[in-house]
């Protein structure tokens, strides 16, 4: 079984910084399409940042220039560095990835982290 474990959420004042971590645990052959999403009650879940299978990076317009997505050397852990945080960034943040558990096409599935709360307020 594969599990995505998130950490790093918390309360921060406007203008502050937080770093989120997502670690993939279990029998993993390959991880592709690593991403971060966020959701506010009553609103749709939105893509914040992602690393594509081609190793390009996409950001939502609302976070571009303030947030940075990155991965470790083994590419089983990825991060979201959040700077210059605004109250509008308050949300539950979810990590996401497409993961192969074996060297076959049929082993691919999409996985989600449990969510971590980020609150930005003075």
PDB file of N, CA and C in Angstrom:
ATOM      1  N   UNK A   1       0.840  -1.177   0.000  1.00  0.00           N
ATOM      2  CA  UNK A   1       0.000   0.000   0.000  1.00  0.00           C
ATOM      3  C   UNK A   1       0.888   1.244   0.000  1.00  0.00           C
ATOM      4  N   UNK A   2       0.478   2.260  -0.743  1.00  0.00           N
ATOM      5  CA  UNK A   2       1.180   3.524  -0.811  1.00  0.00           C
ATOM      6  C   UNK A   2       0.400   4.560  -0.024  1.00  0.00           C
ATOM      7  N   UNK A   3       1.118   5.375   0.728  1.00  0.00           N
ATOM      8  CA  UNK A   3       0.512   6.423   1.518  1.00  0.00           C
ATOM      9  C   UNK A   3       1.320   7.705   1.352  1.00  0.00           C
ATOM     10  N   UNK A   4       0.627   8.835   1.205  1.00  0.00           N
ATOM     11  CA  UNK A   4       1.274  10.139   1.172  1.00  0.00           C
ATOM     12  C   UNK A   4       1.055  10.802   2.514  1.00  0.00           C
ATOM     13  N   UNK A   5       2.146  11.169   3.187  1.00  0.00           N
ATOM     14  CA  UNK A   5       2.091  11.749   4.516  1.00  0.00           C
ATOM     15  C   UNK A   5       2.548  13.196   4.441  1.00  0.00           C
ATOM     16  N   UNK A   6       1.688  14.114   4.877  1.00  0.00           N
ATOM     17  CA  UNK A   6       1.976  15.532   4.831  1.00  0.00           C
ATOM     18  C   UNK A   6       2.375  16.058   6.206  1.00  0.00           C
ATOM     19  N   UNK A   7       3.159  17.123   6.197  1.00  0.00           N
ATOM     20  CA  UNK A   7       3.520  17.807   7.424  1.00  0.00           C
ATOM     21  C   UNK A   7       3.893  19.250   7.102  1.00  0.00           C
ATOM     22  N   UNK A   8       3.919  20.092   8.123  1.00  0.00           N
ATOM     23  CA  UNK A   8       4.400  21.455   7.968  1.00  0.00           C
ATOM     24  C   UNK A   8       3.355  22.543   8.049  1.00  0.00           C
ATOM     25  N   UNK A   9       2.086  22.186   8.122  1.00  0.00           N
ATOM     26  CA  UNK A   9       1.053  23.194   8.220  1.00  0.00           C
ATOM     27  C   UNK A   9       1.076  23.895   9.567  1.00  0.00           C
ATOM     28  N   UNK A  10       0.356  25.009   9.643  1.00  0.00           N
ATOM     29  CA  UNK A  10       0.297  25.751  10.888  1.00  0.00           C
ATOM     30  C   UNK A  10      -0.272  27.133  10.693  1.00  0.00           C
ATOM     31  N   UNK A  11      -0.094  27.960  11.714  1.00  0.00           N
ATOM     32  CA  UNK A  11      -0.577  29.337  11.720  1.00  0.00           C
ATOM     33  C   UNK A  11       0.599  30.288  11.542  1.00  0.00           C
ATOM     34  N   UNK A  12       0.441  31.244  10.640  1.00  0.00           N
ATOM     35  CA  UNK A  12       1.495  32.211  10.380  1.00  0.00           C
ATOM     36  C   UNK A  12       0.866  33.572  10.106  1.00  0.00           C
ATOM     37  N   UNK A  13       1.583  34.638  10.420  1.00  0.00           N
ATOM     38  CA  UNK A  13       1.099  35.988  10.148  1.00  0.00           C
ATOM     39  C   UNK A  13       1.297  36.353   8.685  1.00  0.00           C
ATOM     40  N   UNK A  14       0.494  37.274   8.165  1.00  0.00           N
ATOM     41  CA  UNK A  14       0.699  37.724   6.789  1.00  0.00           C
ATOM     42  C   UNK A  14       2.132  38.179   6.558  1.00  0.00           C
ATOM     43  N   UNK A  15       2.677  37.792   5.414  1.00  0.00           N
ATOM     44  CA  UNK A  15       4.057  38.091   5.090  1.00  0.00           C
ATOM     45  C   UNK A  15       5.037  37.033   5.546  1.00  0.00           C
ATOM     46  N   UNK A  16       4.585  36.102   6.344  1.00  0.00           N
ATOM     47  CA  UNK A  16       5.443  35.048   6.848  1.00  0.00           C
ATOM     48  C   UNK A  16       5.619  33.911   5.863  1.00  0.00           C
ATOM     49  N   UNK A  17       6.310  32.866   6.320  1.00  0.00           N
ATOM     50  CA  UNK A  17       6.631  31.725   5.469  1.00  0.00           C
ATOM     51  C   UNK A  17       6.323  30.410   6.168  1.00  0.00           C
ATOM     52  N   UNK A  18       6.009  29.412   5.373  1.00  0.00           N
ATOM     53  CA  UNK A  18       5.849  28.041   5.820  1.00  0.00           C
ATOM     54  C   UNK A  18       6.368  27.120   4.736  1.00  0.00           C
ATOM     55  N   UNK A  19       6.793  25.922   5.140  1.00  0.00           N
ATOM     56  CA  UNK A  19       7.219  24.908   4.198  1.00  0.00           C
ATOM     57  C   UNK A  19       6.458  23.621   4.468  1.00  0.00           C
ATOM     58  N   UNK A  20       5.827  23.089   3.446  1.00  0.00           N
ATOM     59  CA  UNK A  20       5.088  21.841   3.540  1.00  0.00           C
ATOM     60  C   UNK A  20       5.910  20.705   2.949  1.00  0.00           C
ATOM     61  N   UNK A  21       5.759  19.515   3.532  1.00  0.00           N
ATOM     62  CA  UNK A  21       6.464  18.335   3.071  1.00  0.00           C
ATOM     63  C   UNK A  21       5.472  17.223   2.794  1.00  0.00           C
ATOM     64  N   UNK A  22       5.694  16.498   1.711  1.00  0.00           N
ATOM     65  CA  UNK A  22       4.911  15.310   1.390  1.00  0.00           C
ATOM     66  C   UNK A  22       5.869  14.156   1.150  1.00  0.00           C
ATOM     67  N   UNK A  23       5.686  13.071   1.885  1.00  0.00           N
ATOM     68  CA  UNK A  23       6.527  11.895   1.748  1.00  0.00           C
ATOM     69  C   UNK A  23       5.692  10.708   1.294  1.00  0.00           C
ATOM     70  N   UNK A  24       6.127  10.043   0.245  1.00  0.00           N
ATOM     71  CA  UNK A  24       5.460   8.845  -0.246  1.00  0.00           C
ATOM     72  C   UNK A  24       6.042   7.621   0.443  1.00  0.00           C
ATOM     73  N   UNK A  25       5.169   6.841   1.077  1.00  0.00           N
ATOM     74  CA  UNK A  25       5.582   5.668   1.844  1.00  0.00           C
ATOM     75  C   UNK A  25       4.979   4.419   1.217  1.00  0.00           C
ATOM     76  N   UNK A  26       5.773   3.351   1.134  1.00  0.00           N
ATOM     77  CA  UNK A  26       5.280   2.084   0.632  1.00  0.00           C
ATOM     78  C   UNK A  26       6.121   1.529  -0.495  1.00  0.00           C
ATOM     79  N   UNK A  27       5.563   0.561  -1.197  1.00  0.00           N
ATOM     80  CA  UNK A  27       6.243  -0.072  -2.324  1.00  0.00           C
ATOM     81  C   UNK A  27       6.055   0.792  -3.565  1.00  0.00           C
ATOM     82  N   UNK A  28       7.088   1.531  -3.908  1.00  0.00           N
ATOM     83  CA  UNK A  28       7.019   2.518  -4.980  1.00  0.00           C
ATOM     84  C   UNK A  28       8.059   2.204  -6.045  1.00  0.00           C
ATOM     85  N   UNK A  29       7.604   2.131  -7.274  1.00  0.00           N
ATOM     86  CA  UNK A  29       8.507   1.941  -8.398  1.00  0.00           C
ATOM     87  C   UNK A  29       8.921   3.283  -8.998  1.00  0.00           C
ATOM     88  N   UNK A  30       7.939   4.170  -9.173  1.00  0.00           N
ATOM     89  CA  UNK A  30       8.217   5.466  -9.770  1.00  0.00           C
ATOM     90  C   UNK A  30       7.106   6.440  -9.414  1.00  0.00           C
ATOM     91  N   UNK A  31       7.476   7.685  -9.158  1.00  0.00           N
ATOM     92  CA  UNK A  31       6.523   8.742  -8.881  1.00  0.00           C
ATOM     93  C   UNK A  31       6.588   9.776  -9.992  1.00  0.00           C
ATOM     94  N   UNK A  32       5.438  10.133 -10.542  1.00  0.00           N
ATOM     95  CA  UNK A  32       5.363  11.160 -11.571  1.00  0.00           C
ATOM     96  C   UNK A  32       4.246  12.131 -11.220  1.00  0.00           C
ATOM     97  N   UNK A  33       4.319  13.309 -11.794  1.00  0.00           N
ATOM     98  CA  UNK A  33       3.246  14.276 -11.639  1.00  0.00           C
ATOM     99  C   UNK A  33       3.019  14.754 -10.218  1.00  0.00           C
ATOM    100  N   UNK A  34       4.071  14.987  -9.456  1.00  0.00           N
ATOM    101  CA  UNK A  34       3.949  15.463  -8.079  1.00  0.00           C
ATOM    102  C   UNK A  34       3.330  16.850  -8.046  1.00  0.00           C
ATOM    103  N   UNK A  35       2.430  17.072  -7.082  1.00  0.00           N
ATOM    104  CA  UNK A  35       1.673  18.320  -7.080  1.00  0.00           C
ATOM    105  C   UNK A  35       1.190  18.678  -5.682  1.00  0.00           C
ATOM    106  N   UNK A  36       0.758  19.931  -5.551  1.00  0.00           N
ATOM    107  CA  UNK A  36       0.079  20.433  -4.374  1.00  0.00           C
ATOM    108  C   UNK A  36      -1.227  21.097  -4.795  1.00  0.00           C
ATOM    109  N   UNK A  37      -2.296  20.790  -4.067  1.00  0.00           N
ATOM    110  CA  UNK A  37      -3.598  21.412  -4.238  1.00  0.00           C
ATOM    111  C   UNK A  37      -4.006  22.064  -2.920  1.00  0.00           C
ATOM    112  N   UNK A  38      -5.012  22.921  -2.985  1.00  0.00           N
ATOM    113  CA  UNK A  38      -5.580  23.483  -1.759  1.00  0.00           C
ATOM    114  C   UNK A  38      -7.079  23.671  -1.928  1.00  0.00           C
ATOM    115  N   UNK A  39      -7.788  23.698  -0.785  1.00  0.00           N
ATOM    116  CA  UNK A  39      -9.228  23.823  -0.826  1.00  0.00           C
ATOM    117  C   UNK A  39      -9.732  24.598   0.385  1.00  0.00           C
ATOM    118  N   UNK A  40     -10.643  25.521   0.129  1.00  0.00           N
ATOM    119  CA  UNK A  40     -11.328  26.304   1.151  1.00  0.00           C
ATOM    120  C   UNK A  40     -12.771  25.819   1.209  1.00  0.00           C
ATOM    121  N   UNK A  41     -13.366  25.718   2.395  1.00  0.00           N
ATOM    122  CA  UNK A  41     -14.759  25.291   2.477  1.00  0.00           C
ATOM    123  C   UNK A  41     -15.665  26.117   1.578  1.00  0.00           C
ATOM    124  N   UNK A  42     -16.501  25.435   0.796  1.00  0.00           N
ATOM    125  CA  UNK A  42     -17.403  26.102  -0.115  1.00  0.00           C
ATOM    126  C   UNK A  42     -16.823  26.424  -1.468  1.00  0.00           C
ATOM    127  N   UNK A  43     -15.542  26.123  -1.672  1.00  0.00           N
ATOM    128  CA  UNK A  43     -14.898  26.398  -2.946  1.00  0.00           C
ATOM    129  C   UNK A  43     -14.303  25.128  -3.525  1.00  0.00           C
ATOM    130  N   UNK A  44     -14.039  25.167  -4.827  1.00  0.00           N
ATOM    131  CA  UNK A  44     -13.445  24.031  -5.506  1.00  0.00           C
ATOM    132  C   UNK A  44     -11.981  23.872  -5.119  1.00  0.00           C
ATOM    133  N   UNK A  45     -11.530  22.617  -5.097  1.00  0.00           N
ATOM    134  CA  UNK A  45     -10.116  22.364  -4.904  1.00  0.00           C
ATOM    135  C   UNK A  45      -9.344  22.886  -6.109  1.00  0.00           C
ATOM    136  N   UNK A  46      -8.248  23.586  -5.860  1.00  0.00           N
ATOM    137  CA  UNK A  46      -7.491  24.187  -6.939  1.00  0.00           C
ATOM    138  C   UNK A  46      -6.042  23.717  -6.925  1.00  0.00           C
ATOM    139  N   UNK A  47      -5.480  23.628  -8.110  1.00  0.00           N
ATOM    140  CA  UNK A  47      -4.073  23.291  -8.249  1.00  0.00           C
ATOM    141  C   UNK A  47      -3.221  24.482  -7.834  1.00  0.00           C
ATOM    142  N   UNK A  48      -2.244  24.239  -6.974  1.00  0.00           N
ATOM    143  CA  UNK A  48      -1.320  25.267  -6.528  1.00  0.00           C
ATOM    144  C   UNK A  48      -0.025  25.209  -7.318  1.00  0.00           C
ATOM    145  N   UNK A  49       0.563  24.024  -7.402  1.00  0.00           N
ATOM    146  CA  UNK A  49       1.822  23.837  -8.106  1.00  0.00           C
ATOM    147  C   UNK A  49       1.979  22.370  -8.453  1.00  0.00           C
ATOM    148  N   UNK A  50       2.705  22.092  -9.529  1.00  0.00           N
ATOM    149  CA  UNK A  50       2.953  20.706  -9.908  1.00  0.00           C
ATOM    150  C   UNK A  50       4.260  20.576 -10.665  1.00  0.00           C
ATOM    151  N   UNK A  51       4.858  19.396 -10.539  1.00  0.00           N
ATOM    152  CA  UNK A  51       6.004  18.995 -11.343  1.00  0.00           C
ATOM    153  C   UNK A  51       5.500  17.910 -12.285  1.00  0.00           C
ATOM    154  N   UNK A  52       5.586  18.151 -13.572  1.00  0.00           N
ATOM    155  CA  UNK A  52       5.061  17.221 -14.554  1.00  0.00           C
ATOM    156  C   UNK A  52       6.038  16.076 -14.794  1.00  0.00           C
ATOM    157  N   UNK A  53       5.577  15.080 -15.544  1.00  0.00           N
ATOM    158  CA  UNK A  53       6.430  13.942 -15.886  1.00  0.00           C
ATOM    159  C   UNK A  53       7.624  14.357 -16.730  1.00  0.00           C
ATOM    160  N   UNK A  54       7.508  15.474 -17.422  1.00  0.00           N
ATOM    161  CA  UNK A  54       8.618  16.013 -18.193  1.00  0.00           C
ATOM    162  C   UNK A  54       9.514  16.931 -17.384  1.00  0.00           C
ATOM    163  N   UNK A  55       9.271  17.011 -16.079  1.00  0.00           N
ATOM    164  CA  UNK A  55      10.068  17.800 -15.138  1.00  0.00           C
ATOM    165  C   UNK A  55       9.907  19.304 -15.329  1.00  0.00           C
ATOM    166  N   UNK A  56       8.826  19.710 -15.947  1.00  0.00           N
ATOM    167  CA  UNK A  56       8.492  21.120 -15.971  1.00  0.00           C
ATOM    168  C   UNK A  56       7.639  21.454 -14.753  1.00  0.00           C
ATOM    169  N   UNK A  57       7.519  22.731 -14.435  1.00  0.00           N
ATOM    170  CA  UNK A  57       6.822  23.177 -13.231  1.00  0.00           C
ATOM    171  C   UNK A  57       5.740  24.179 -13.606  1.00  0.00           C
ATOM    172  N   UNK A  58       4.558  23.972 -13.048  1.00  0.00           N
ATOM    173  CA  UNK A  58       3.437  24.882 -13.242  1.00  0.00           C
ATOM    174  C   UNK A  58       3.003  25.452 -11.899  1.00  0.00           C
ATOM    175  N   UNK A  59       2.609  26.727 -11.892  1.00  0.00           N
ATOM    176  CA  UNK A  59       2.087  27.381 -10.701  1.00  0.00           C
ATOM    177  C   UNK A  59       0.758  28.055 -11.005  1.00  0.00           C
ATOM    178  N   UNK A  60      -0.111  28.092 -10.003  1.00  0.00           N
ATOM    179  CA  UNK A  60      -1.299  28.908 -10.121  1.00  0.00           C
ATOM    180  C   UNK A  60      -0.903  30.378 -10.158  1.00  0.00           C
ATOM    181  N   UNK A  61      -1.667  31.172 -10.909  1.00  0.00           N
ATOM    182  CA  UNK A  61      -1.352  32.591 -11.013  1.00  0.00           C
ATOM    183  C   UNK A  61      -1.303  33.269  -9.643  1.00  0.00           C
ATOM    184  N   UNK A  62      -2.134  32.817  -8.716  1.00  0.00           N
ATOM    185  CA  UNK A  62      -2.241  33.453  -7.418  1.00  0.00           C
ATOM    186  C   UNK A  62      -1.025  33.230  -6.525  1.00  0.00           C
ATOM    187  N   UNK A  63      -0.184  32.234  -6.849  1.00  0.00           N
ATOM    188  CA  UNK A  63       0.968  31.926  -6.001  1.00  0.00           C
ATOM    189  C   UNK A  63       2.296  32.080  -6.723  1.00  0.00           C
ATOM    190  N   UNK A  64       2.269  32.271  -8.016  1.00  0.00           N
ATOM    191  CA  UNK A  64       3.499  32.380  -8.788  1.00  0.00           C
ATOM    192  C   UNK A  64       4.367  33.526  -8.264  1.00  0.00           C
ATOM    193  N   UNK A  65       5.643  33.235  -8.047  1.00  0.00           N
ATOM    194  CA  UNK A  65       6.559  34.213  -7.497  1.00  0.00           C
ATOM    195  C   UNK A  65       6.673  34.180  -5.994  1.00  0.00           C
ATOM    196  N   UNK A  66       5.725  33.517  -5.319  1.00  0.00           N
ATOM    197  CA  UNK A  66       5.748  33.410  -3.865  1.00  0.00           C
ATOM    198  C   UNK A  66       5.981  31.978  -3.387  1.00  0.00           C
ATOM    199  N   UNK A  67       5.467  30.993  -4.121  1.00  0.00           N
ATOM    200  CA  UNK A  67       5.579  29.584  -3.744  1.00  0.00           C
ATOM    201  C   UNK A  67       6.577  28.881  -4.654  1.00  0.00           C
ATOM    202  N   UNK A  68       7.248  27.864  -4.102  1.00  0.00           N
ATOM    203  CA  UNK A  68       8.186  27.059  -4.865  1.00  0.00           C
ATOM    204  C   UNK A  68       7.975  25.586  -4.557  1.00  0.00           C
ATOM    205  N   UNK A  69       7.787  24.777  -5.598  1.00  0.00           N
ATOM    206  CA  UNK A  69       7.678  23.336  -5.433  1.00  0.00           C
ATOM    207  C   UNK A  69       9.016  22.705  -5.791  1.00  0.00           C
ATOM    208  N   UNK A  70       9.415  21.687  -5.037  1.00  0.00           N
ATOM    209  CA  UNK A  70      10.681  21.016  -5.283  1.00  0.00           C
ATOM    210  C   UNK A  70      10.596  19.585  -4.785  1.00  0.00           C
ATOM    211  N   UNK A  71      11.587  18.773  -5.163  1.00  0.00           N
ATOM    212  CA  UNK A  71      11.636  17.376  -4.756  1.00  0.00           C
ATOM    213  C   UNK A  71      13.047  17.018  -4.310  1.00  0.00           C
ATOM    214  N   UNK A  72      13.170  15.923  -3.547  1.00  0.00           N
ATOM    215  CA  UNK A  72      14.481  15.495  -3.082  1.00  0.00           C
ATOM    216  C   UNK A  72      15.175  14.662  -4.152  1.00  0.00           C
ATOM    217  N   UNK A  73      16.395  14.194  -3.837  1.00  0.00           N
ATOM    218  CA  UNK A  73      17.187  13.465  -4.825  1.00  0.00           C
ATOM    219  C   UNK A  73      16.536  12.162  -5.263  1.00  0.00           C
ATOM    220  N   UNK A  74      15.900  11.475  -4.334  1.00  0.00           N
ATOM    221  CA  UNK A  74      15.240  10.213  -4.642  1.00  0.00           C
ATOM    222  C   UNK A  74      13.857  10.408  -5.242  1.00  0.00           C
ATOM    223  N   UNK A  75      13.365  11.617  -5.233  1.00  0.00           N
ATOM    224  CA  UNK A  75      12.053  11.971  -5.775  1.00  0.00           C
ATOM    225  C   UNK A  75      10.920  11.175  -5.139  1.00  0.00           C
ATOM    226  N   UNK A  76      11.041  10.919  -3.839  1.00  0.00           N
ATOM    227  CA  UNK A  76       9.974  10.310  -3.062  1.00  0.00           C
ATOM    228  C   UNK A  76       9.429  11.275  -2.014  1.00  0.00           C
ATOM    229  N   UNK A  77      10.030  12.437  -1.920  1.00  0.00           N
ATOM    230  CA  UNK A  77       9.581  13.487  -1.027  1.00  0.00           C
ATOM    231  C   UNK A  77       9.547  14.785  -1.809  1.00  0.00           C
ATOM    232  N   UNK A  78       8.470  15.541  -1.650  1.00  0.00           N
ATOM    233  CA  UNK A  78       8.423  16.848  -2.303  1.00  0.00           C
ATOM    234  C   UNK A  78       7.905  17.900  -1.338  1.00  0.00           C
ATOM    235  N   UNK A  79       8.164  19.160  -1.693  1.00  0.00           N
ATOM    236  CA  UNK A  79       7.991  20.258  -0.776  1.00  0.00           C
ATOM    237  C   UNK A  79       7.249  21.409  -1.444  1.00  0.00           C
ATOM    238  N   UNK A  80       6.639  22.216  -0.623  1.00  0.00           N
ATOM    239  CA  UNK A  80       6.069  23.476  -1.076  1.00  0.00           C
ATOM    240  C   UNK A  80       6.549  24.571  -0.141  1.00  0.00           C
ATOM    241  N   UNK A  81       7.491  25.376  -0.601  1.00  0.00           N
ATOM    242  CA  UNK A  81       7.966  26.520   0.156  1.00  0.00           C
ATOM    243  C   UNK A  81       7.055  27.697  -0.135  1.00  0.00           C
ATOM    244  N   UNK A  82       6.438  28.245   0.905  1.00  0.00           N
ATOM    245  CA  UNK A  82       5.468  29.316   0.762  1.00  0.00           C
ATOM    246  C   UNK A  82       6.000  30.564   1.448  1.00  0.00           C
ATOM    247  N   UNK A  83       6.234  31.601   0.676  1.00  0.00           N
ATOM    248  CA  UNK A  83       6.723  32.872   1.181  1.00  0.00           C
ATOM    249  C   UNK A  83       5.698  33.971   0.941  1.00  0.00           C
ATOM    250  N   UNK A  84       5.871  35.073   1.654  1.00  0.00           N
ATOM    251  CA  UNK A  84       4.976  36.227   1.515  1.00  0.00           C
ATOM    252  C   UNK A  84       3.517  35.810   1.591  1.00  0.00           C
ATOM    253  N   UNK A  85       3.197  35.027   2.601  1.00  0.00           N
ATOM    254  CA  UNK A  85       1.859  34.468   2.716  1.00  0.00           C
ATOM    255  C   UNK A  85       0.806  35.544   2.954  1.00  0.00           C
ATOM    256  N   UNK A  86      -0.355  35.319   2.367  1.00  0.00           N
ATOM    257  CA  UNK A  86      -1.487  36.222   2.460  1.00  0.00           C
ATOM    258  C   UNK A  86      -2.664  35.508   3.120  1.00  0.00           C
ATOM    259  N   UNK A  87      -3.584  36.254   3.729  1.00  0.00           N
ATOM    260  CA  UNK A  87      -4.782  35.606   4.290  1.00  0.00           C
ATOM    261  C   UNK A  87      -5.531  34.757   3.265  1.00  0.00           C
ATOM    262  N   UNK A  88      -5.489  35.149   2.004  1.00  0.00           N
ATOM    263  CA  UNK A  88      -6.153  34.393   0.950  1.00  0.00           C
ATOM    264  C   UNK A  88      -5.529  33.019   0.716  1.00  0.00           C
ATOM    265  N   UNK A  89      -4.334  32.785   1.252  1.00  0.00           N
ATOM    266  CA  UNK A  89      -3.685  31.480   1.135  1.00  0.00           C
ATOM    267  C   UNK A  89      -4.208  30.479   2.156  1.00  0.00           C
ATOM    268  N   UNK A  90      -5.014  30.934   3.101  1.00  0.00           N
ATOM    269  CA  UNK A  90      -5.569  30.046   4.116  1.00  0.00           C
ATOM    270  C   UNK A  90      -6.418  28.965   3.459  1.00  0.00           C
ATOM    271  N   UNK A  91      -6.081  27.707   3.736  1.00  0.00           N
ATOM    272  CA  UNK A  91      -6.769  26.576   3.121  1.00  0.00           C
ATOM    273  C   UNK A  91      -6.212  25.286   3.696  1.00  0.00           C
ATOM    274  N   UNK A  92      -6.857  24.185   3.355  1.00  0.00           N
ATOM    275  CA  UNK A  92      -6.281  22.874   3.582  1.00  0.00           C
ATOM    276  C   UNK A  92      -5.486  22.507   2.341  1.00  0.00           C
ATOM    277  N   UNK A  93      -4.237  22.160   2.530  1.00  0.00           N
ATOM    278  CA  UNK A  93      -3.345  21.842   1.426  1.00  0.00           C
ATOM    279  C   UNK A  93      -3.169  20.333   1.322  1.00  0.00           C
ATOM    280  N   UNK A  94      -3.283  19.816   0.108  1.00  0.00           N
ATOM    281  CA  UNK A  94      -3.185  18.391  -0.158  1.00  0.00           C
ATOM    282  C   UNK A  94      -2.056  18.123  -1.147  1.00  0.00           C
ATOM    283  N   UNK A  95      -1.195  17.177  -0.836  1.00  0.00           N
ATOM    284  CA  UNK A  95      -0.233  16.750  -1.829  1.00  0.00           C
ATOM    285  C   UNK A  95      -0.844  15.644  -2.682  1.00  0.00           C
ATOM    286  N   UNK A  96      -0.288  15.490  -3.862  1.00  0.00           N
ATOM    287  CA  UNK A  96      -0.869  14.603  -4.864  1.00  0.00           C
ATOM    288  C   UNK A  96       0.246  14.071  -5.759  1.00  0.00           C
ATOM    289  N   UNK A  97       0.075  12.848  -6.243  1.00  0.00           N
ATOM    290  CA  UNK A  97       1.032  12.293  -7.187  1.00  0.00           C
ATOM    291  C   UNK A  97       0.426  11.108  -7.916  1.00  0.00           C
ATOM    292  N   UNK A  98       0.961  10.845  -9.090  1.00  0.00           N
ATOM    293  CA  UNK A  98       0.704   9.602  -9.804  1.00  0.00           C
ATOM    294  C   UNK A  98       1.894   8.688  -9.555  1.00  0.00           C
ATOM    295  N   UNK A  99       1.611   7.460  -9.093  1.00  0.00           N
ATOM    296  CA  UNK A  99       2.657   6.560  -8.640  1.00  0.00           C
ATOM    297  C   UNK A  99       2.500   5.189  -9.283  1.00  0.00           C
ATOM    298  N   UNK A 100       3.613   4.675  -9.790  1.00  0.00           N
ATOM    299  CA  UNK A 100       3.694   3.287 -10.243  1.00  0.00           C
ATOM    300  C   UNK A 100       4.223   2.445  -9.093  1.00  0.00           C
ATOM    301  N   UNK A 101       3.560   1.330  -8.805  1.00  0.00           N
ATOM    302  CA  UNK A 101       4.010   0.409  -7.774  1.00  0.00           C
ATOM    303  C   UNK A 101       4.734  -0.801  -8.356  1.00  0.00           C
ATOM    304  N   UNK A 102       4.808  -0.885  -9.664  1.00  0.00           N
ATOM    305  CA  UNK A 102       5.541  -1.930 -10.360  1.00  0.00           C
ATOM    306  C   UNK A 102       5.892  -1.411 -11.743  1.00  0.00           C
ATOM    307  N   UNK A 103       6.707  -2.163 -12.465  1.00  0.00           N
ATOM    308  CA  UNK A 103       7.149  -1.748 -13.795  1.00  0.00           C
ATOM    309  C   UNK A 103       6.150  -2.142 -14.881  1.00  0.00           C
ATOM    310  N   UNK A 104       4.877  -1.879 -14.612  1.00  0.00           N
ATOM    311  CA  UNK A 104       3.816  -2.141 -15.572  1.00  0.00           C
ATOM    312  C   UNK A 104       2.886  -0.940 -15.634  1.00  0.00           C
ATOM    313  N   UNK A 105       2.280  -0.717 -16.803  1.00  0.00           N
ATOM    314  CA  UNK A 105       1.366   0.407 -16.958  1.00  0.00           C
ATOM    315  C   UNK A 105       0.173   0.298 -16.021  1.00  0.00           C
ATOM    316  N   UNK A 106      -0.301  -0.904 -15.757  1.00  0.00           N
ATOM    317  CA  UNK A 106      -1.498  -1.103 -14.947  1.00  0.00           C
ATOM    318  C   UNK A 106      -1.283  -0.815 -13.472  1.00  0.00           C
ATOM    319  N   UNK A 107      -0.045  -0.647 -13.041  1.00  0.00           N
ATOM    320  CA  UNK A 107       0.241  -0.389 -11.634  1.00  0.00           C
ATOM    321  C   UNK A 107       0.105   1.080 -11.254  1.00  0.00           C
ATOM    322  N   UNK A 108      -0.182   1.952 -12.202  1.00  0.00           N
ATOM    323  CA  UNK A 108      -0.248   3.393 -11.936  1.00  0.00           C
ATOM    324  C   UNK A 108      -1.572   3.765 -11.291  1.00  0.00           C
ATOM    325  N   UNK A 109      -1.489   4.627 -10.277  1.00  0.00           N
ATOM    326  CA  UNK A 109      -2.674   5.159  -9.613  1.00  0.00           C
ATOM    327  C   UNK A 109      -2.381   6.568  -9.110  1.00  0.00           C
ATOM    328  N   UNK A 110      -3.442   7.304  -8.843  1.00  0.00           N
ATOM    329  CA  UNK A 110      -3.327   8.634  -8.262  1.00  0.00           C
ATOM    330  C   UNK A 110      -3.529   8.555  -6.754  1.00  0.00           C
ATOM    331  N   UNK A 111      -2.689   9.274  -5.997  1.00  0.00           N
ATOM    332  CA  UNK A 111      -2.731   9.248  -4.543  1.00  0.00           C
ATOM    333  C   UNK A 111      -2.814  10.668  -3.998  1.00  0.00           C
ATOM    334  N   UNK A 112      -3.445  10.792  -2.827  1.00  0.00           N
ATOM    335  CA  UNK A 112      -3.612  12.069  -2.147  1.00  0.00           C
ATOM    336  C   UNK A 112      -3.124  11.984  -0.708  1.00  0.00           C
ATOM    337  N   UNK A 113      -2.543  13.072  -0.226  1.00  0.00           N
ATOM    338  CA  UNK A 113      -2.210  13.180   1.175  1.00  0.00           C
ATOM    339  C   UNK A 113      -3.449  13.435   2.009  1.00  0.00           C
ATOM    340  N   UNK A 114      -3.275  13.413   3.324  1.00  0.00           N
ATOM    341  CA  UNK A 114      -4.410  13.552   4.233  1.00  0.00           C
ATOM    342  C   UNK A 114      -4.873  14.996   4.394  1.00  0.00           C
ATOM    343  N   UNK A 115      -4.089  15.938   3.938  1.00  0.00           N
ATOM    344  CA  UNK A 115      -4.401  17.346   4.079  1.00  0.00           C
ATOM    345  C   UNK A 115      -3.763  17.950   5.313  1.00  0.00           C
ATOM    346  N   UNK A 116      -3.294  19.180   5.183  1.00  0.00           N
ATOM    347  CA  UNK A 116      -2.726  19.898   6.311  1.00  0.00           C
ATOM    348  C   UNK A 116      -3.207  21.346   6.265  1.00  0.00           C
ATOM    349  N   UNK A 117      -3.619  21.864   7.412  1.00  0.00           N
ATOM    350  CA  UNK A 117      -4.199  23.204   7.484  1.00  0.00           C
ATOM    351  C   UNK A 117      -3.114  24.268   7.496  1.00  0.00           C
ATOM    352  N   UNK A 118      -3.270  25.252   6.625  1.00  0.00           N
ATOM    353  CA  UNK A 118      -2.434  26.449   6.623  1.00  0.00           C
ATOM    354  C   UNK A 118      -3.336  27.640   6.893  1.00  0.00           C
ATOM    355  N   UNK A 119      -3.052  28.371   7.961  1.00  0.00           N
ATOM    356  CA  UNK A 119      -3.852  29.532   8.337  1.00  0.00           C
ATOM    357  C   UNK A 119      -2.963  30.762   8.389  1.00  0.00           C
ATOM    358  N   UNK A 120      -3.380  31.807   7.686  1.00  0.00           N
ATOM    359  CA  UNK A 120      -2.618  33.050   7.614  1.00  0.00           C
ATOM    360  C   UNK A 120      -3.493  34.163   8.171  1.00  0.00           C
ATOM    361  N   UNK A 121      -3.119  34.696   9.317  1.00  0.00           N
ATOM    362  CA  UNK A 121      -3.895  35.758   9.941  1.00  0.00           C
ATOM    363  C   UNK A 121      -3.039  36.514  10.945  1.00  0.00           C
ATOM    364  N   UNK A 122      -3.433  37.750  11.218  1.00  0.00           N
ATOM    365  CA  UNK A 122      -2.726  38.570  12.184  1.00  0.00           C
ATOM    366  C   UNK A 122      -3.428  38.544  13.526  1.00  0.00           C
TER     367      UNK A 122
END
